[in-house]
Amino acid sequence: MTNSAVTECPRCKCTELGLGKQGGYGNVHPVNKMSIGTEVEHKLCTNCGFIIESYVKNPPKFKNTLK
């Protein structure tokens, strides 16, 4: 989950933000490991739909992937 201090949409200035997830075939997979991947979560504006930030739900799956 996000711990970002962003409380306002930079695009439309709306303060009603939401959290959504992208799963299924939209999962992110490590490039050099066999893995089912992990969901991507998005903090977004509920007014204009602007995605403020995105992050993977399970970041440890990506350790040692740049070697």
PDB file of N, CA and C in Angstrom:
ATOM      1  N   MET A   1       0.842  -1.183   0.000  1.00  0.00           N
ATOM      2  CA  MET A   1       0.000   0.000   0.000  1.00  0.00           C
ATOM      3  C   MET A   1       0.882   1.239   0.000  1.00  0.00           C
ATOM      4  N   THR A   2       0.380   2.289  -0.562  1.00  0.00           N
ATOM      5  CA  THR A   2       1.130   3.529  -0.676  1.00  0.00           C
ATOM      6  C   THR A   2       1.202   4.281   0.650  1.00  0.00           C
ATOM      7  N   ASN A   3       2.288   4.965   0.853  1.00  0.00           N
ATOM      8  CA  ASN A   3       2.407   5.858   1.996  1.00  0.00           C
ATOM      9  C   ASN A   3       2.812   7.238   1.507  1.00  0.00           C
ATOM     10  N   SER A   4       2.431   7.542   0.287  1.00  0.00           N
ATOM     11  CA  SER A   4       2.719   8.820  -0.333  1.00  0.00           C
ATOM     12  C   SER A   4       1.910   9.927   0.340  1.00  0.00           C
ATOM     13  N   ALA A   5       2.519  11.110   0.415  1.00  0.00           N
ATOM     14  CA  ALA A   5       1.852  12.251   1.019  1.00  0.00           C
ATOM     15  C   ALA A   5       0.970  13.003   0.021  1.00  0.00           C
ATOM     16  N   VAL A   6       0.873  12.534  -1.213  1.00  0.00           N
ATOM     17  CA  VAL A   6       0.065  13.210  -2.226  1.00  0.00           C
ATOM     18  C   VAL A   6      -1.407  13.123  -1.835  1.00  0.00           C
ATOM     19  N   THR A   7      -2.053  14.266  -1.735  1.00  0.00           N
ATOM     20  CA  THR A   7      -3.468  14.309  -1.345  1.00  0.00           C
ATOM     21  C   THR A   7      -4.324  15.040  -2.373  1.00  0.00           C
ATOM     22  N   GLU A   8      -3.695  15.484  -3.465  1.00  0.00           N
ATOM     23  CA  GLU A   8      -4.408  16.255  -4.485  1.00  0.00           C
ATOM     24  C   GLU A   8      -3.909  15.852  -5.865  1.00  0.00           C
ATOM     25  N   CYS A   9      -4.824  15.747  -6.814  1.00  0.00           N
ATOM     26  CA  CYS A   9      -4.458  15.422  -8.183  1.00  0.00           C
ATOM     27  C   CYS A   9      -3.671  16.583  -8.800  1.00  0.00           C
ATOM     28  N   PRO A  10      -2.491  16.315  -9.353  1.00  0.00           N
ATOM     29  CA  PRO A  10      -1.718  17.397  -9.978  1.00  0.00           C
ATOM     30  C   PRO A  10      -2.333  17.899 -11.280  1.00  0.00           C
ATOM     31  N   ARG A  11      -3.251  17.147 -11.835  1.00  0.00           N
ATOM     32  CA  ARG A  11      -3.863  17.526 -13.109  1.00  0.00           C
ATOM     33  C   ARG A  11      -5.102  18.405 -12.924  1.00  0.00           C
ATOM     34  N   CYS A  12      -6.049  17.972 -12.055  1.00  0.00           N
ATOM     35  CA  CYS A  12      -7.306  18.716 -11.926  1.00  0.00           C
ATOM     36  C   CYS A  12      -7.529  19.290 -10.526  1.00  0.00           C
ATOM     37  N   LYS A  13      -6.615  19.026  -9.605  1.00  0.00           N
ATOM     38  CA  LYS A  13      -6.650  19.535  -8.228  1.00  0.00           C
ATOM     39  C   LYS A  13      -7.735  18.904  -7.361  1.00  0.00           C
ATOM     40  N   CYS A  14      -8.369  17.840  -7.819  1.00  0.00           N
ATOM     41  CA  CYS A  14      -9.365  17.126  -7.021  1.00  0.00           C
ATOM     42  C   CYS A  14      -8.667  16.484  -5.822  1.00  0.00           C
ATOM     43  N   THR A  15      -9.353  16.436  -4.693  1.00  0.00           N
ATOM     44  CA  THR A  15      -8.774  15.819  -3.492  1.00  0.00           C
ATOM     45  C   THR A  15      -9.375  14.449  -3.193  1.00  0.00           C
ATOM     46  N   GLU A  16     -10.245  13.963  -4.061  1.00  0.00           N
ATOM     47  CA  GLU A  16     -10.832  12.641  -3.874  1.00  0.00           C
ATOM     48  C   GLU A  16     -10.032  11.625  -4.685  1.00  0.00           C
ATOM     49  N   LEU A  17      -9.064  10.991  -4.017  1.00  0.00           N
ATOM     50  CA  LEU A  17      -8.192  10.029  -4.666  1.00  0.00           C
ATOM     51  C   LEU A  17      -8.644   8.617  -4.319  1.00  0.00           C
ATOM     52  N   GLY A  18      -8.270   7.659  -5.135  1.00  0.00           N
ATOM     53  CA  GLY A  18      -8.641   6.271  -4.910  1.00  0.00           C
ATOM     54  C   GLY A  18      -7.465   5.349  -5.171  1.00  0.00           C
ATOM     55  N   LEU A  19      -7.637   4.084  -4.822  1.00  0.00           N
ATOM     56  CA  LEU A  19      -6.608   3.075  -5.022  1.00  0.00           C
ATOM     57  C   LEU A  19      -7.202   1.954  -5.845  1.00  0.00           C
ATOM     58  N   GLY A  20      -6.526   1.577  -6.911  1.00  0.00           N
ATOM     59  CA  GLY A  20      -6.982   0.489  -7.764  1.00  0.00           C
ATOM     60  C   GLY A  20      -5.866  -0.506  -7.984  1.00  0.00           C
ATOM     61  N   LYS A  21      -6.211  -1.688  -8.483  1.00  0.00           N
ATOM     62  CA  LYS A  21      -5.179  -2.680  -8.756  1.00  0.00           C
ATOM     63  C   LYS A  21      -5.334  -3.224 -10.165  1.00  0.00           C
ATOM     64  N   GLN A  22      -4.215  -3.567 -10.740  1.00  0.00           N
ATOM     65  CA  GLN A  22      -4.156  -4.150 -12.070  1.00  0.00           C
ATOM     66  C   GLN A  22      -3.599  -5.552 -11.881  1.00  0.00           C
ATOM     67  N   GLY A  23      -4.381  -6.550 -12.205  1.00  0.00           N
ATOM     68  CA  GLY A  23      -3.956  -7.927 -12.001  1.00  0.00           C
ATOM     69  C   GLY A  23      -4.156  -8.747 -13.268  1.00  0.00           C
ATOM     70  N   GLY A  24      -4.200 -10.057 -13.095  1.00  0.00           N
ATOM     71  CA  GLY A  24      -4.395 -10.949 -14.237  1.00  0.00           C
ATOM     72  C   GLY A  24      -3.258 -10.854 -15.220  1.00  0.00           C
ATOM     73  N   TYR A  25      -3.561 -10.625 -16.471  1.00  0.00           N
ATOM     74  CA  TYR A  25      -2.529 -10.535 -17.508  1.00  0.00           C
ATOM     75  C   TYR A  25      -1.756  -9.224 -17.433  1.00  0.00           C
ATOM     76  N   GLY A  26      -2.182  -8.301 -16.577  1.00  0.00           N
ATOM     77  CA  GLY A  26      -1.472  -7.042 -16.384  1.00  0.00           C
ATOM     78  C   GLY A  26      -0.426  -7.111 -15.286  1.00  0.00           C
ATOM     79  N   ASN A  27      -0.217  -8.306 -14.719  1.00  0.00           N
ATOM     80  CA  ASN A  27       0.796  -8.465 -13.682  1.00  0.00           C
ATOM     81  C   ASN A  27       2.188  -8.151 -14.225  1.00  0.00           C
ATOM     82  N   VAL A  28       3.086  -7.762 -13.330  1.00  0.00           N
ATOM     83  CA  VAL A  28       4.477  -7.515 -13.678  1.00  0.00           C
ATOM     84  C   VAL A  28       5.282  -8.732 -13.245  1.00  0.00           C
ATOM     85  N   HIS A  29       6.187  -9.180 -14.128  1.00  0.00           N
ATOM     86  CA  HIS A  29       6.977 -10.377 -13.885  1.00  0.00           C
ATOM     87  C   HIS A  29       8.463 -10.034 -13.887  1.00  0.00           C
ATOM     88  N   PRO A  30       9.259 -10.631 -12.991  1.00  0.00           N
ATOM     89  CA  PRO A  30      10.713 -10.437 -13.051  1.00  0.00           C
ATOM     90  C   PRO A  30      11.260 -10.986 -14.370  1.00  0.00           C
ATOM     91  N   VAL A  31      12.251 -10.309 -14.943  1.00  0.00           N
ATOM     92  CA  VAL A  31      12.762 -10.710 -16.256  1.00  0.00           C
ATOM     93  C   VAL A  31      13.596 -11.979 -16.233  1.00  0.00           C
ATOM     94  N   ASN A  32      14.268 -12.289 -15.140  1.00  0.00           N
ATOM     95  CA  ASN A  32      15.160 -13.436 -15.144  1.00  0.00           C
ATOM     96  C   ASN A  32      14.776 -14.510 -14.121  1.00  0.00           C
ATOM     97  N   LYS A  33      13.516 -14.538 -13.724  1.00  0.00           N
ATOM     98  CA  LYS A  33      13.046 -15.526 -12.756  1.00  0.00           C
ATOM     99  C   LYS A  33      11.721 -16.096 -13.233  1.00  0.00           C
ATOM    100  N   MET A  34      11.483 -17.347 -12.894  1.00  0.00           N
ATOM    101  CA  MET A  34      10.164 -17.931 -13.137  1.00  0.00           C
ATOM    102  C   MET A  34       9.262 -17.464 -12.001  1.00  0.00           C
ATOM    103  N   SER A  35       8.180 -16.804 -12.335  1.00  0.00           N
ATOM    104  CA  SER A  35       7.304 -16.244 -11.314  1.00  0.00           C
ATOM    105  C   SER A  35       5.926 -16.010 -11.904  1.00  0.00           C
ATOM    106  N   ILE A  36       4.922 -16.096 -11.068  1.00  0.00           N
ATOM    107  CA  ILE A  36       3.569 -15.774 -11.525  1.00  0.00           C
ATOM    108  C   ILE A  36       3.342 -14.268 -11.558  1.00  0.00           C
ATOM    109  N   GLY A  37       4.331 -13.511 -11.101  1.00  0.00           N
ATOM    110  CA  GLY A  37       4.233 -12.060 -11.135  1.00  0.00           C
ATOM    111  C   GLY A  37       3.505 -11.505  -9.936  1.00  0.00           C
ATOM    112  N   THR A  38       3.266 -10.225  -9.983  1.00  0.00           N
ATOM    113  CA  THR A  38       2.586  -9.533  -8.894  1.00  0.00           C
ATOM    114  C   THR A  38       1.701  -8.426  -9.454  1.00  0.00           C
ATOM    115  N   GLU A  39       0.656  -8.116  -8.733  1.00  0.00           N
ATOM    116  CA  GLU A  39      -0.268  -7.067  -9.156  1.00  0.00           C
ATOM    117  C   GLU A  39       0.412  -5.702  -9.087  1.00  0.00           C
ATOM    118  N   VAL A  40      -0.102  -4.783  -9.868  1.00  0.00           N
ATOM    119  CA  VAL A  40       0.329  -3.392  -9.825  1.00  0.00           C
ATOM    120  C   VAL A  40      -0.803  -2.598  -9.197  1.00  0.00           C
ATOM    121  N   GLU A  41      -0.468  -1.771  -8.214  1.00  0.00           N
ATOM    122  CA  GLU A  41      -1.466  -0.904  -7.590  1.00  0.00           C
ATOM    123  C   GLU A  41      -1.257   0.515  -8.083  1.00  0.00           C
ATOM    124  N   HIS A  42      -2.365   1.246  -8.233  1.00  0.00           N
ATOM    125  CA  HIS A  42      -2.325   2.612  -8.741  1.00  0.00           C
ATOM    126  C   HIS A  42      -3.077   3.537  -7.791  1.00  0.00           C
ATOM    127  N   LYS A  43      -2.451   4.651  -7.434  1.00  0.00           N
ATOM    128  CA  LYS A  43      -3.159   5.729  -6.735  1.00  0.00           C
ATOM    129  C   LYS A  43      -3.637   6.663  -7.835  1.00  0.00           C
ATOM    130  N   LEU A  44      -4.942   6.934  -7.868  1.00  0.00           N
ATOM    131  CA  LEU A  44      -5.495   7.689  -8.987  1.00  0.00           C
ATOM    132  C   LEU A  44      -6.546   8.696  -8.551  1.00  0.00           C
ATOM    133  N   CYS A  45      -6.796   9.630  -9.434  1.00  0.00           N
ATOM    134  CA  CYS A  45      -7.814  10.648  -9.200  1.00  0.00           C
ATOM    135  C   CYS A  45      -9.181  10.078  -9.581  1.00  0.00           C
ATOM    136  N   THR A  46     -10.147  10.192  -8.678  1.00  0.00           N
ATOM    137  CA  THR A  46     -11.490   9.679  -8.960  1.00  0.00           C
ATOM    138  C   THR A  46     -12.302  10.644  -9.819  1.00  0.00           C
ATOM    139  N   ASN A  47     -11.755  11.817 -10.106  1.00  0.00           N
ATOM    140  CA  ASN A  47     -12.453  12.788 -10.944  1.00  0.00           C
ATOM    141  C   ASN A  47     -12.035  12.673 -12.411  1.00  0.00           C
ATOM    142  N   CYS A  48     -10.734  12.776 -12.674  1.00  0.00           N
ATOM    143  CA  CYS A  48     -10.275  12.792 -14.070  1.00  0.00           C
ATOM    144  C   CYS A  48      -9.590  11.492 -14.487  1.00  0.00           C
ATOM    145  N   GLY A  49      -9.293  10.598 -13.539  1.00  0.00           N
ATOM    146  CA  GLY A  49      -8.684   9.317 -13.865  1.00  0.00           C
ATOM    147  C   GLY A  49      -7.172   9.328 -13.967  1.00  0.00           C
ATOM    148  N   PHE A  50      -6.547  10.443 -13.685  1.00  0.00           N
ATOM    149  CA  PHE A  50      -5.090  10.549 -13.761  1.00  0.00           C
ATOM    150  C   PHE A  50      -4.437   9.585 -12.773  1.00  0.00           C
ATOM    151  N   ILE A  51      -3.477   8.792 -13.232  1.00  0.00           N
ATOM    152  CA  ILE A  51      -2.741   7.891 -12.346  1.00  0.00           C
ATOM    153  C   ILE A  51      -1.592   8.679 -11.723  1.00  0.00           C
ATOM    154  N   ILE A  52      -1.652   8.838 -10.415  1.00  0.00           N
ATOM    155  CA  ILE A  52      -0.681   9.650  -9.698  1.00  0.00           C
ATOM    156  C   ILE A  52       0.593   8.871  -9.425  1.00  0.00           C
ATOM    157  N   GLU A  53       0.464   7.606  -9.039  1.00  0.00           N
ATOM    158  CA  GLU A  53       1.630   6.763  -8.814  1.00  0.00           C
ATOM    159  C   GLU A  53       1.246   5.308  -8.995  1.00  0.00           C
ATOM    160  N   SER A  54       2.217   4.507  -9.333  1.00  0.00           N
ATOM    161  CA  SER A  54       2.015   3.072  -9.509  1.00  0.00           C
ATOM    162  C   SER A  54       3.148   2.331  -8.822  1.00  0.00           C
ATOM    163  N   TYR A  55       2.852   1.157  -8.321  1.00  0.00           N
ATOM    164  CA  TYR A  55       3.870   0.359  -7.665  1.00  0.00           C
ATOM    165  C   TYR A  55       3.435  -1.092  -7.654  1.00  0.00           C
ATOM    166  N   VAL A  56       4.399  -2.007  -7.580  1.00  0.00           N
ATOM    167  CA  VAL A  56       4.071  -3.423  -7.515  1.00  0.00           C
ATOM    168  C   VAL A  56       3.709  -3.784  -6.078  1.00  0.00           C
ATOM    169  N   LYS A  57       2.782  -4.723  -5.945  1.00  0.00           N
ATOM    170  CA  LYS A  57       2.290  -5.111  -4.628  1.00  0.00           C
ATOM    171  C   LYS A  57       3.312  -5.945  -3.854  1.00  0.00           C
ATOM    172  N   ASN A  58       4.165  -6.697  -4.553  1.00  0.00           N
ATOM    173  CA  ASN A  58       5.111  -7.583  -3.901  1.00  0.00           C
ATOM    174  C   ASN A  58       6.539  -7.317  -4.429  1.00  0.00           C
ATOM    175  N   PRO A  59       7.172  -6.218  -4.015  1.00  0.00           N
ATOM    176  CA  PRO A  59       8.476  -5.858  -4.558  1.00  0.00           C
ATOM    177  C   PRO A  59       9.607  -6.854  -4.305  1.00  0.00           C
ATOM    178  N   PRO A  60       9.602  -7.660  -3.237  1.00  0.00           N
ATOM    179  CA  PRO A  60      10.711  -8.610  -3.057  1.00  0.00           C
ATOM    180  C   PRO A  60      10.886  -9.603  -4.210  1.00  0.00           C
ATOM    181  N   LYS A  61       9.844  -9.820  -5.016  1.00  0.00           N
ATOM    182  CA  LYS A  61       9.975 -10.720  -6.167  1.00  0.00           C
ATOM    183  C   LYS A  61      11.021 -10.234  -7.158  1.00  0.00           C
ATOM    184  N   PHE A  62      11.409  -8.982  -7.083  1.00  0.00           N
ATOM    185  CA  PHE A  62      12.313  -8.388  -8.069  1.00  0.00           C
ATOM    186  C   PHE A  62      13.752  -8.247  -7.564  1.00  0.00           C
ATOM    187  N   LYS A  63      14.029  -8.788  -6.375  1.00  0.00           N
ATOM    188  CA  LYS A  63      15.397  -8.740  -5.851  1.00  0.00           C
ATOM    189  C   LYS A  63      16.312  -9.574  -6.755  1.00  0.00           C
ATOM    190  N   ASN A  64      17.507  -9.062  -6.967  1.00  0.00           N
ATOM    191  CA  ASN A  64      18.532  -9.734  -7.780  1.00  0.00           C
ATOM    192  C   ASN A  64      18.129  -9.922  -9.242  1.00  0.00           C
ATOM    193  N   THR A  65      17.309  -9.052  -9.778  1.00  0.00           N
ATOM    194  CA  THR A  65      16.924  -9.166 -11.185  1.00  0.00           C
ATOM    195  C   THR A  65      17.799  -8.319 -12.107  1.00  0.00           C
ATOM    196  N   LEU A  66      18.676  -7.508 -11.553  1.00  0.00           N
ATOM    197  CA  LEU A  66      19.567  -6.673 -12.379  1.00  0.00           C
ATOM    198  C   LEU A  66      20.950  -7.287 -12.526  1.00  0.00           C
ATOM    199  N   LYS A  67      21.144  -8.484 -12.061  1.00  0.00           N
ATOM    200  CA  LYS A  67      22.457  -9.129 -12.164  1.00  0.00           C
ATOM    201  C   LYS A  67      22.637  -9.785 -13.501  1.00  0.00           C
TER     202      LYS A  67
END
